[in-house]
PDB file of all heavy atoms in Angstrom:
ATOM      1  N   ASN A   1       0.869  -1.192  -0.027  1.00  0.00           N
ATOM      2  CA  ASN A   1       0.023   0.019   0.053  1.00  0.00           C
ATOM      3  C   ASN A   1       0.909   1.290  -0.033  1.00  0.00           C
ATOM      4  O   ASN A   1       1.498   1.571   0.991  1.00  0.00           O
ATOM      5  CB  ASN A   1      -0.914   0.041   1.246  1.00  0.00           C
ATOM      6  CG  ASN A   1      -1.964   1.104   1.181  1.00  0.00           C
ATOM      7  OD1 ASN A   1      -1.746   2.194   0.783  1.00  0.00           O
ATOM      8  ND2 ASN A   1      -3.159   0.780   1.621  1.00  0.00           N
ATOM      9  N   ALA A   2       1.082   1.873  -1.185  1.00  0.00           N
ATOM     10  CA  ALA A   2       1.982   2.915  -1.267  1.00  0.00           C
ATOM     11  C   ALA A   2       1.608   4.188  -0.484  1.00  0.00           C
ATOM     12  O   ALA A   2       2.447   4.860   0.068  1.00  0.00           O
ATOM     13  CB  ALA A   2       2.213   3.285  -2.815  1.00  0.00           C
ATOM     14  N   SER A   3       0.259   4.384  -0.417  1.00  0.00           N
ATOM     15  CA  SER A   3      -0.148   5.616   0.285  1.00  0.00           C
ATOM     16  C   SER A   3       0.044   5.478   1.771  1.00  0.00           C
ATOM     17  O   SER A   3       0.395   6.473   2.487  1.00  0.00           O
ATOM     18  CB  SER A   3      -1.621   5.867  -0.010  1.00  0.00           C
ATOM     19  OG  SER A   3      -2.471   4.842   0.445  1.00  0.00           O
ATOM     20  N   ARG A   4      -0.148   4.229   2.346  1.00  0.00           N
ATOM     21  CA  ARG A   4       0.111   4.080   3.763  1.00  0.00           C
ATOM     22  C   ARG A   4       1.485   3.565   4.123  1.00  0.00           C
ATOM     23  O   ARG A   4       1.782   3.394   5.296  1.00  0.00           O
ATOM     24  CB  ARG A   4      -0.990   3.170   4.285  1.00  0.00           C
ATOM     25  CG  ARG A   4      -2.383   3.639   4.074  1.00  0.00           C
ATOM     26  CD  ARG A   4      -3.442   2.638   4.543  1.00  0.00           C
ATOM     27  NE  ARG A   4      -3.359   2.514   6.018  1.00  0.00           N
ATOM     28  CZ  ARG A   4      -4.176   1.672   6.668  1.00  0.00           C
ATOM     29  NH1 ARG A   4      -5.126   0.990   6.043  1.00  0.00           N
ATOM     30  NH2 ARG A   4      -4.060   1.522   7.959  1.00  0.00           N
ATOM     31  N   ARG A   5       2.265   3.302   3.105  1.00  0.00           N
ATOM     32  CA  ARG A   5       3.656   2.798   3.270  1.00  0.00           C
ATOM     33  C   ARG A   5       3.668   1.465   4.194  1.00  0.00           C
ATOM     34  O   ARG A   5       4.423   1.385   5.166  1.00  0.00           O
ATOM     35  CB  ARG A   5       4.547   3.819   3.929  1.00  0.00           C
ATOM     36  CG  ARG A   5       4.540   5.137   3.175  1.00  0.00           C
ATOM     37  CD  ARG A   5       5.183   5.054   1.860  1.00  0.00           C
ATOM     38  NE  ARG A   5       6.589   4.608   1.859  1.00  0.00           N
ATOM     39  CZ  ARG A   5       7.320   4.268   0.922  1.00  0.00           C
ATOM     40  NH1 ARG A   5       6.813   4.342  -0.311  1.00  0.00           N
ATOM     41  NH2 ARG A   5       8.596   3.939   1.044  1.00  0.00           N
ATOM     42  N   GLU A   6       2.766   0.583   3.794  1.00  0.00           N
ATOM     43  CA  GLU A   6       2.786  -0.724   4.609  1.00  0.00           C
ATOM     44  C   GLU A   6       2.179  -1.839   3.702  1.00  0.00           C
ATOM     45  O   GLU A   6       1.577  -1.654   2.620  1.00  0.00           O
ATOM     46  CB  GLU A   6       1.872  -0.602   5.846  1.00  0.00           C
ATOM     47  CG  GLU A   6       0.371  -0.261   5.481  1.00  0.00           C
ATOM     48  CD  GLU A   6      -0.445  -0.080   6.703  1.00  0.00           C
ATOM     49  OE1 GLU A   6       0.057   0.217   7.762  1.00  0.00           O
ATOM     50  OE2 GLU A   6      -1.728  -0.206   6.567  1.00  0.00           O
ATOM     51  N   TRP A   7       2.443  -3.053   4.143  1.00  0.00           N
ATOM     52  CA  TRP A   7       1.984  -4.259   3.518  1.00  0.00           C
ATOM     53  C   TRP A   7       0.525  -4.492   3.865  1.00  0.00           C
ATOM     54  O   TRP A   7       0.152  -4.274   5.081  1.00  0.00           O
ATOM     55  CB  TRP A   7       2.814  -5.452   3.818  1.00  0.00           C
ATOM     56  CG  TRP A   7       4.206  -5.346   3.325  1.00  0.00           C
ATOM     57  CD1 TRP A   7       5.384  -5.121   4.034  1.00  0.00           C
ATOM     58  CD2 TRP A   7       4.728  -5.582   1.975  1.00  0.00           C
ATOM     59  NE1 TRP A   7       6.468  -5.045   3.230  1.00  0.00           N
ATOM     60  CE2 TRP A   7       6.069  -5.389   2.017  1.00  0.00           C
ATOM     61  CE3 TRP A   7       4.076  -5.885   0.710  1.00  0.00           C
ATOM     62  CZ2 TRP A   7       6.838  -5.531   0.795  1.00  0.00           C
ATOM     63  CZ3 TRP A   7       4.802  -6.004  -0.390  1.00  0.00           C
ATOM     64  CH2 TRP A   7       6.180  -5.801  -0.375  1.00  0.00           C
ATOM     65  N   THR A   8      -0.220  -5.105   3.023  1.00  0.00           N
ATOM     66  CA  THR A   8      -1.623  -5.503   3.250  1.00  0.00           C
ATOM     67  C   THR A   8      -1.789  -6.870   2.597  1.00  0.00           C
ATOM     68  O   THR A   8      -1.107  -7.202   1.650  1.00  0.00           O
ATOM     69  CB  THR A   8      -2.683  -4.584   2.834  1.00  0.00           C
ATOM     70  OG1 THR A   8      -3.942  -4.948   3.168  1.00  0.00           O
ATOM     71  CG2 THR A   8      -2.628  -4.380   1.275  1.00  0.00           C
ATOM     72  N   LEU A   9      -2.636  -7.727   3.193  1.00  0.00           N
ATOM     73  CA  LEU A   9      -2.885  -9.043   2.590  1.00  0.00           C
ATOM     74  C   LEU A   9      -4.231  -8.910   1.710  1.00  0.00           C
ATOM     75  O   LEU A   9      -5.171  -8.477   2.159  1.00  0.00           O
ATOM     76  CB  LEU A   9      -3.151 -10.037   3.725  1.00  0.00           C
ATOM     77  CG  LEU A   9      -1.863 -10.484   4.531  1.00  0.00           C
ATOM     78  CD1 LEU A   9      -2.230 -11.417   5.576  1.00  0.00           C
ATOM     79  CD2 LEU A   9      -0.804 -11.010   3.644  1.00  0.00           C
ATOM     80  N   LEU A  10      -4.053  -9.475   0.470  1.00  0.00           N
ATOM     81  CA  LEU A  10      -5.185  -9.491  -0.433  1.00  0.00           C
ATOM     82  C   LEU A  10      -5.409 -10.921  -0.803  1.00  0.00           C
ATOM     83  O   LEU A  10      -4.506 -11.746  -0.829  1.00  0.00           O
ATOM     84  CB  LEU A  10      -4.902  -8.642  -1.653  1.00  0.00           C
ATOM     85  CG  LEU A  10      -4.816  -7.069  -1.357  1.00  0.00           C
ATOM     86  CD1 LEU A  10      -4.490  -6.381  -2.711  1.00  0.00           C
ATOM     87  CD2 LEU A  10      -6.092  -6.539  -0.756  1.00  0.00           C
ATOM     88  N   PRO A  11      -6.648 -11.255  -1.299  1.00  0.00           N
ATOM     89  CA  PRO A  11      -6.922 -12.675  -1.662  1.00  0.00           C
ATOM     90  C   PRO A  11      -6.190 -12.958  -3.023  1.00  0.00           C
ATOM     91  O   PRO A  11      -5.939 -12.108  -3.883  1.00  0.00           O
ATOM     92  CB  PRO A  11      -8.421 -12.638  -1.896  1.00  0.00           C
ATOM     93  CG  PRO A  11      -8.812 -11.185  -2.141  1.00  0.00           C
ATOM     94  CD  PRO A  11      -7.851 -10.374  -1.381  1.00  0.00           C
ATOM     95  N   ASP A  12      -5.787 -14.249  -3.137  1.00  0.00           N
ATOM     96  CA  ASP A  12      -5.126 -14.764  -4.324  1.00  0.00           C
ATOM     97  C   ASP A  12      -5.576 -16.205  -4.563  1.00  0.00           C
ATOM     98  O   ASP A  12      -4.994 -17.166  -4.017  1.00  0.00           O
ATOM     99  CB  ASP A  12      -3.659 -14.659  -4.139  1.00  0.00           C
ATOM    100  CG  ASP A  12      -2.911 -15.041  -5.436  1.00  0.00           C
ATOM    101  OD1 ASP A  12      -3.592 -15.297  -6.403  1.00  0.00           O
ATOM    102  OD2 ASP A  12      -1.646 -15.222  -5.439  1.00  0.00           O
ATOM    103  N   TYR A  13      -6.586 -16.332  -5.463  1.00  0.00           N
ATOM    104  CA  TYR A  13      -7.015 -17.627  -5.876  1.00  0.00           C
ATOM    105  C   TYR A  13      -6.654 -17.919  -7.309  1.00  0.00           C
ATOM    106  O   TYR A  13      -7.145 -18.806  -7.945  1.00  0.00           O
ATOM    107  CB  TYR A  13      -8.625 -17.672  -5.772  1.00  0.00           C
ATOM    108  CG  TYR A  13      -9.035 -17.674  -4.369  1.00  0.00           C
ATOM    109  CD1 TYR A  13      -9.387 -16.419  -3.720  1.00  0.00           C
ATOM    110  CD2 TYR A  13      -9.172 -18.822  -3.531  1.00  0.00           C
ATOM    111  CE1 TYR A  13      -9.886 -16.363  -2.407  1.00  0.00           C
ATOM    112  CE2 TYR A  13      -9.602 -18.721  -2.203  1.00  0.00           C
ATOM    113  CZ  TYR A  13      -9.978 -17.495  -1.675  1.00  0.00           C
ATOM    114  OH  TYR A  13     -10.416 -17.472  -0.346  1.00  0.00           O
ATOM    115  N   SER A  14      -5.703 -17.075  -7.779  1.00  0.00           N
ATOM    116  CA  SER A  14      -5.401 -17.195  -9.268  1.00  0.00           C
ATOM    117  C   SER A  14      -4.731 -18.581  -9.602  1.00  0.00           C
ATOM    118  O   SER A  14      -4.804 -18.975 -10.843  1.00  0.00           O
ATOM    119  CB  SER A  14      -4.455 -16.028  -9.608  1.00  0.00           C
ATOM    120  OG  SER A  14      -3.216 -16.062  -8.869  1.00  0.00           O
ATOM    121  N   SER A  15      -4.088 -19.230  -8.723  1.00  0.00           N
ATOM    122  CA  SER A  15      -3.371 -20.445  -9.042  1.00  0.00           C
ATOM    123  C   SER A  15      -4.179 -21.719  -8.456  1.00  0.00           C
ATOM    124  O   SER A  15      -3.523 -22.763  -8.436  1.00  0.00           O
ATOM    125  CB  SER A  15      -1.945 -20.451  -8.611  1.00  0.00           C
ATOM    126  OG  SER A  15      -1.902 -20.240  -7.173  1.00  0.00           O
ATOM    127  N   ARG A  16      -5.332 -21.527  -7.977  1.00  0.00           N
ATOM    128  CA  ARG A  16      -6.081 -22.566  -7.391  1.00  0.00           C
ATOM    129  C   ARG A  16      -7.241 -22.987  -8.256  1.00  0.00           C
ATOM    130  O   ARG A  16      -7.877 -22.239  -8.830  1.00  0.00           O
ATOM    131  CB  ARG A  16      -6.595 -22.188  -5.969  1.00  0.00           C
ATOM    132  CG  ARG A  16      -5.507 -21.912  -5.039  1.00  0.00           C
ATOM    133  CD  ARG A  16      -6.090 -21.750  -3.589  1.00  0.00           C
ATOM    134  NE  ARG A  16      -5.024 -21.572  -2.535  1.00  0.00           N
ATOM    135  CZ  ARG A  16      -5.129 -21.968  -1.315  1.00  0.00           C
ATOM    136  NH1 ARG A  16      -6.246 -22.480  -0.924  1.00  0.00           N
ATOM    137  NH2 ARG A  16      -4.190 -21.745  -0.506  1.00  0.00           N
ATOM    138  N   PRO A  17      -7.443 -24.297  -8.310  1.00  0.00           N
ATOM    139  CA  PRO A  17      -8.723 -24.828  -8.981  1.00  0.00           C
ATOM    140  C   PRO A  17      -9.923 -24.380  -8.143  1.00  0.00           C
ATOM    141  O   PRO A  17      -9.877 -24.466  -6.916  1.00  0.00           O
ATOM    142  CB  PRO A  17      -8.515 -26.325  -9.099  1.00  0.00           C
ATOM    143  CG  PRO A  17      -7.610 -26.694  -7.949  1.00  0.00           C
ATOM    144  CD  PRO A  17      -6.685 -25.529  -7.779  1.00  0.00           C
ATOM    145  N   LEU A  18     -11.018 -24.011  -8.903  1.00  0.00           N
ATOM    146  CA  LEU A  18     -12.235 -23.599  -8.152  1.00  0.00           C
ATOM    147  C   LEU A  18     -13.376 -24.381  -8.691  1.00  0.00           C
ATOM    148  O   LEU A  18     -13.403 -24.779  -9.934  1.00  0.00           O
ATOM    149  CB  LEU A  18     -12.447 -22.117  -8.451  1.00  0.00           C
ATOM    150  CG  LEU A  18     -11.336 -21.138  -7.981  1.00  0.00           C
ATOM    151  CD1 LEU A  18     -11.614 -19.737  -8.397  1.00  0.00           C
ATOM    152  CD2 LEU A  18     -11.077 -21.281  -6.477  1.00  0.00           C
ATOM    153  N   TRP A  19     -14.443 -24.571  -7.912  1.00  0.00           N
ATOM    154  CA  TRP A  19     -15.554 -25.285  -8.278  1.00  0.00           C
ATOM    155  C   TRP A  19     -16.886 -24.517  -7.953  1.00  0.00           C
ATOM    156  O   TRP A  19     -16.880 -23.754  -6.940  1.00  0.00           O
ATOM    157  CB  TRP A  19     -15.651 -26.618  -7.520  1.00  0.00           C
ATOM    158  CG  TRP A  19     -14.571 -27.580  -7.942  1.00  0.00           C
ATOM    159  CD1 TRP A  19     -14.651 -28.536  -8.891  1.00  0.00           C
ATOM    160  CD2 TRP A  19     -13.299 -27.726  -7.406  1.00  0.00           C
ATOM    161  NE1 TRP A  19     -13.445 -29.229  -9.093  1.00  0.00           N
ATOM    162  CE2 TRP A  19     -12.583 -28.693  -8.079  1.00  0.00           C
ATOM    163  CE3 TRP A  19     -12.529 -27.051  -6.381  1.00  0.00           C
ATOM    164  CZ2 TRP A  19     -11.313 -29.069  -7.762  1.00  0.00           C
ATOM    165  CZ3 TRP A  19     -11.285 -27.359  -6.142  1.00  0.00           C
ATOM    166  CH2 TRP A  19     -10.685 -28.421  -6.778  1.00  0.00           C
ATOM    167  N   ASN A  20     -17.839 -24.668  -8.830  1.00  0.00           N
ATOM    168  CA  ASN A  20     -19.201 -24.054  -8.540  1.00  0.00           C
ATOM    169  C   ASN A  20     -19.878 -24.906  -7.479  1.00  0.00           C
ATOM    170  O   ASN A  20     -19.938 -26.177  -7.548  1.00  0.00           O
ATOM    171  CB  ASN A  20     -20.022 -24.049  -9.831  1.00  0.00           C
ATOM    172  CG  ASN A  20     -19.479 -23.031 -10.816  1.00  0.00           C
ATOM    173  OD1 ASN A  20     -19.271 -21.858 -10.528  1.00  0.00           O
ATOM    174  ND2 ASN A  20     -19.161 -23.566 -12.062  1.00  0.00           N
ATOM    175  N   LYS A  21     -20.467 -24.190  -6.481  1.00  0.00           N
ATOM    176  CA  LYS A  21     -21.057 -24.937  -5.362  1.00  0.00           C
ATOM    177  C   LYS A  21     -22.261 -25.726  -5.691  1.00  0.00           C
ATOM    178  O   LYS A  21     -22.570 -26.812  -5.026  1.00  0.00           O
ATOM    179  CB  LYS A  21     -21.313 -23.934  -4.203  1.00  0.00           C
ATOM    180  CG  LYS A  21     -20.087 -23.316  -3.599  1.00  0.00           C
ATOM    181  CD  LYS A  21     -20.492 -22.290  -2.503  1.00  0.00           C
ATOM    182  CE  LYS A  21     -19.261 -21.744  -1.816  1.00  0.00           C
ATOM    183  NZ  LYS A  21     -19.694 -20.749  -0.682  1.00  0.00           N
ATOM    184  N   HIS A  22     -22.997 -25.214  -6.662  1.00  0.00           N
ATOM    185  CA  HIS A  22     -24.342 -25.883  -6.972  1.00  0.00           C
ATOM    186  C   HIS A  22     -24.151 -27.234  -7.563  1.00  0.00           C
ATOM    187  O   HIS A  22     -25.066 -28.079  -7.393  1.00  0.00           O
ATOM    188  CB  HIS A  22     -25.265 -24.966  -7.705  1.00  0.00           C
ATOM    189  CG  HIS A  22     -24.782 -24.811  -9.149  1.00  0.00           C
ATOM    190  ND1 HIS A  22     -23.781 -23.964  -9.454  1.00  0.00           N
ATOM    191  CD2 HIS A  22     -25.232 -25.337 -10.281  1.00  0.00           C
ATOM    192  CE1 HIS A  22     -23.576 -23.964 -10.840  1.00  0.00           C
ATOM    193  NE2 HIS A  22     -24.457 -24.860 -11.317  1.00  0.00           N
ATOM    194  N   ASP A  23     -23.099 -27.503  -8.417  1.00  0.00           N
ATOM    195  CA  ASP A  23     -23.034 -28.767  -8.983  1.00  0.00           C
ATOM    196  C   ASP A  23     -21.627 -29.371  -9.131  1.00  0.00           C
ATOM    197  O   ASP A  23     -21.417 -30.368  -9.775  1.00  0.00           O
ATOM    198  CB  ASP A  23     -23.613 -28.634 -10.436  1.00  0.00           C
ATOM    199  CG  ASP A  23     -22.871 -27.695 -11.352  1.00  0.00           C
ATOM    200  OD1 ASP A  23     -21.934 -27.030 -10.852  1.00  0.00           O
ATOM    201  OD2 ASP A  23     -23.200 -27.546 -12.554  1.00  0.00           O
ATOM    202  N   ALA A  24     -20.644 -28.635  -8.491  1.00  0.00           N
ATOM    203  CA  ALA A  24     -19.232 -29.184  -8.422  1.00  0.00           C
ATOM    204  C   ALA A  24     -18.578 -29.075  -9.771  1.00  0.00           C
ATOM    205  O   ALA A  24     -17.590 -29.716  -9.979  1.00  0.00           O
ATOM    206  CB  ALA A  24     -19.162 -30.519  -7.898  1.00  0.00           C
ATOM    207  N   SER A  25     -19.078 -28.294 -10.708  1.00  0.00           N
ATOM    208  CA  SER A  25     -18.416 -28.077 -12.022  1.00  0.00           C
ATOM    209  C   SER A  25     -17.297 -27.093 -11.806  1.00  0.00           C
ATOM    210  O   SER A  25     -17.331 -26.374 -10.839  1.00  0.00           O
ATOM    211  CB  SER A  25     -19.344 -27.611 -13.068  1.00  0.00           C
ATOM    212  OG  SER A  25     -19.985 -26.365 -12.648  1.00  0.00           O
ATOM    213  N   PHE A  26     -16.246 -27.131 -12.719  1.00  0.00           N
ATOM    214  CA  PHE A  26     -15.201 -26.226 -12.605  1.00  0.00           C
ATOM    215  C   PHE A  26     -15.700 -24.765 -12.777  1.00  0.00           C
ATOM    216  O   PHE A  26     -16.434 -24.524 -13.721  1.00  0.00           O
ATOM    217  CB  PHE A  26     -14.078 -26.563 -13.626  1.00  0.00           C
ATOM    218  CG  PHE A  26     -13.193 -27.714 -13.211  1.00  0.00           C
ATOM    219  CD1 PHE A  26     -13.302 -28.878 -13.899  1.00  0.00           C
ATOM    220  CD2 PHE A  26     -12.291 -27.496 -12.051  1.00  0.00           C
ATOM    221  CE1 PHE A  26     -12.490 -29.894 -13.433  1.00  0.00           C
ATOM    222  CE2 PHE A  26     -11.501 -28.581 -11.755  1.00  0.00           C
ATOM    223  CZ  PHE A  26     -11.567 -29.744 -12.393  1.00  0.00           C
ATOM    224  N   ALA A  27     -15.194 -23.843 -11.942  1.00  0.00           N
ATOM    225  CA  ALA A  27     -15.572 -22.457 -12.043  1.00  0.00           C
ATOM    226  C   ALA A  27     -14.593 -21.646 -12.843  1.00  0.00           C
ATOM    227  O   ALA A  27     -13.463 -22.090 -13.074  1.00  0.00           O
ATOM    228  CB  ALA A  27     -15.739 -21.906 -10.625  1.00  0.00           C
ATOM    229  N   THR A  28     -14.972 -20.449 -13.269  1.00  0.00           N
ATOM    230  CA  THR A  28     -14.060 -19.608 -14.019  1.00  0.00           C
ATOM    231  C   THR A  28     -12.985 -19.134 -13.011  1.00  0.00           C
ATOM    232  O   THR A  28     -13.232 -18.751 -11.912  1.00  0.00           O
ATOM    233  CB  THR A  28     -14.840 -18.387 -14.520  1.00  0.00           C
ATOM    234  OG1 THR A  28     -15.948 -18.815 -15.311  1.00  0.00           O
ATOM    235  CG2 THR A  28     -14.004 -17.449 -15.305  1.00  0.00           C
ATOM    236  N   PRO A  29     -11.690 -19.149 -13.528  1.00  0.00           N
ATOM    237  CA  PRO A  29     -10.549 -18.608 -12.717  1.00  0.00           C
ATOM    238  C   PRO A  29     -10.845 -17.219 -12.174  1.00  0.00           C
ATOM    239  O   PRO A  29     -11.461 -16.385 -12.847  1.00  0.00           O
ATOM    240  CB  PRO A  29      -9.415 -18.713 -13.579  1.00  0.00           C
ATOM    241  CG  PRO A  29      -9.869 -19.706 -14.631  1.00  0.00           C
ATOM    242  CD  PRO A  29     -11.250 -19.649 -14.855  1.00  0.00           C
ATOM    243  N   VAL A  30     -10.307 -16.900 -11.021  1.00  0.00           N
ATOM    244  CA  VAL A  30     -10.452 -15.697 -10.341  1.00  0.00           C
ATOM    245  C   VAL A  30      -9.119 -14.876 -10.403  1.00  0.00           C
ATOM    246  O   VAL A  30      -8.093 -15.536 -10.091  1.00  0.00           O
ATOM    247  CB  VAL A  30     -11.001 -15.790  -8.889  1.00  0.00           C
ATOM    248  CG1 VAL A  30     -11.016 -14.433  -8.227  1.00  0.00           C
ATOM    249  CG2 VAL A  30     -12.354 -16.372  -8.905  1.00  0.00           C
ATOM    250  N   SER A  31      -9.075 -13.672 -10.822  1.00  0.00           N
ATOM    251  CA  SER A  31      -7.835 -13.010 -10.926  1.00  0.00           C
ATOM    252  C   SER A  31      -7.249 -12.662  -9.469  1.00  0.00           C
ATOM    253  O   SER A  31      -7.939 -12.614  -8.508  1.00  0.00           O
ATOM    254  CB  SER A  31      -8.065 -11.665 -11.658  1.00  0.00           C
ATOM    255  OG  SER A  31      -8.513 -11.872 -12.919  1.00  0.00           O
ATOM    256  N   ARG A  32      -5.946 -12.371  -9.438  1.00  0.00           N
ATOM    257  CA  ARG A  32      -5.291 -12.088  -8.203  1.00  0.00           C
ATOM    258  C   ARG A  32      -5.832 -10.752  -7.663  1.00  0.00           C
ATOM    259  O   ARG A  32      -6.022  -9.802  -8.331  1.00  0.00           O
ATOM    260  CB  ARG A  32      -3.788 -11.965  -8.465  1.00  0.00           C
ATOM    261  CG  ARG A  32      -2.891 -12.008  -7.209  1.00  0.00           C
ATOM    262  CD  ARG A  32      -1.498 -11.938  -7.581  1.00  0.00           C
ATOM    263  NE  ARG A  32      -0.634 -12.370  -6.499  1.00  0.00           N
ATOM    264  CZ  ARG A  32       0.628 -11.953  -6.342  1.00  0.00           C
ATOM    265  NH1 ARG A  32       1.105 -11.085  -7.216  1.00  0.00           N
ATOM    266  NH2 ARG A  32       1.343 -12.456  -5.369  1.00  0.00           N
ATOM    267  N   GLY A  33      -6.127 -10.872  -6.318  1.00  0.00           N
ATOM    268  CA  GLY A  33      -6.574  -9.640  -5.681  1.00  0.00           C
ATOM    269  C   GLY A  33      -8.099  -9.567  -5.655  1.00  0.00           C
ATOM    270  O   GLY A  33      -8.607  -8.647  -5.026  1.00  0.00           O
ATOM    271  N   VAL A  34      -8.809 -10.463  -6.329  1.00  0.00           N
ATOM    272  CA  VAL A  34     -10.273 -10.457  -6.324  1.00  0.00           C
ATOM    273  C   VAL A  34     -10.746 -11.465  -5.365  1.00  0.00           C
ATOM    274  O   VAL A  34     -10.265 -12.600  -5.280  1.00  0.00           O
ATOM    275  CB  VAL A  34     -10.756 -10.822  -7.782  1.00  0.00           C
ATOM    276  CG1 VAL A  34     -12.317 -10.933  -7.750  1.00  0.00           C
ATOM    277  CG2 VAL A  34     -10.333  -9.721  -8.770  1.00  0.00           C
ATOM    278  N   ALA A  35     -11.788 -11.146  -4.540  1.00  0.00           N
ATOM    279  CA  ALA A  35     -12.274 -12.035  -3.533  1.00  0.00           C
ATOM    280  C   ALA A  35     -13.035 -13.170  -4.178  1.00  0.00           C
ATOM    281  O   ALA A  35     -13.574 -13.029  -5.335  1.00  0.00           O
ATOM    282  CB  ALA A  35     -13.221 -11.278  -2.634  1.00  0.00           C
ATOM    283  N   LEU A  36     -13.150 -14.288  -3.555  1.00  0.00           N
ATOM    284  CA  LEU A  36     -13.814 -15.439  -4.120  1.00  0.00           C
ATOM    285  C   LEU A  36     -15.335 -15.225  -4.031  1.00  0.00           C
ATOM    286  O   LEU A  36     -15.888 -14.777  -3.016  1.00  0.00           O
ATOM    287  CB  LEU A  36     -13.470 -16.673  -3.182  1.00  0.00           C
ATOM    288  CG  LEU A  36     -13.744 -18.026  -3.759  1.00  0.00           C
ATOM    289  CD1 LEU A  36     -12.825 -18.262  -4.975  1.00  0.00           C
ATOM    290  CD2 LEU A  36     -13.518 -19.130  -2.718  1.00  0.00           C
ATOM    291  N   PRO A  37     -15.961 -15.369  -5.274  1.00  0.00           N
ATOM    292  CA  PRO A  37     -17.457 -15.206  -5.254  1.00  0.00           C
ATOM    293  C   PRO A  37     -18.184 -16.212  -4.349  1.00  0.00           C
ATOM    294  O   PRO A  37     -17.661 -17.303  -3.992  1.00  0.00           O
ATOM    295  CB  PRO A  37     -17.826 -15.542  -6.766  1.00  0.00           C
ATOM    296  CG  PRO A  37     -16.498 -15.321  -7.472  1.00  0.00           C
ATOM    297  CD  PRO A  37     -15.439 -15.647  -6.544  1.00  0.00           C
TER     298      PRO A  37
END
């Protein structure tokens, strides 16, 4: 965080396989920094 001059933790699911909860099908990949739907 450049404005606060400190580190912060953000979500990173970009390298993980994801599944849709309703039927266990593969879900669309999520970009780094985006929360899991």
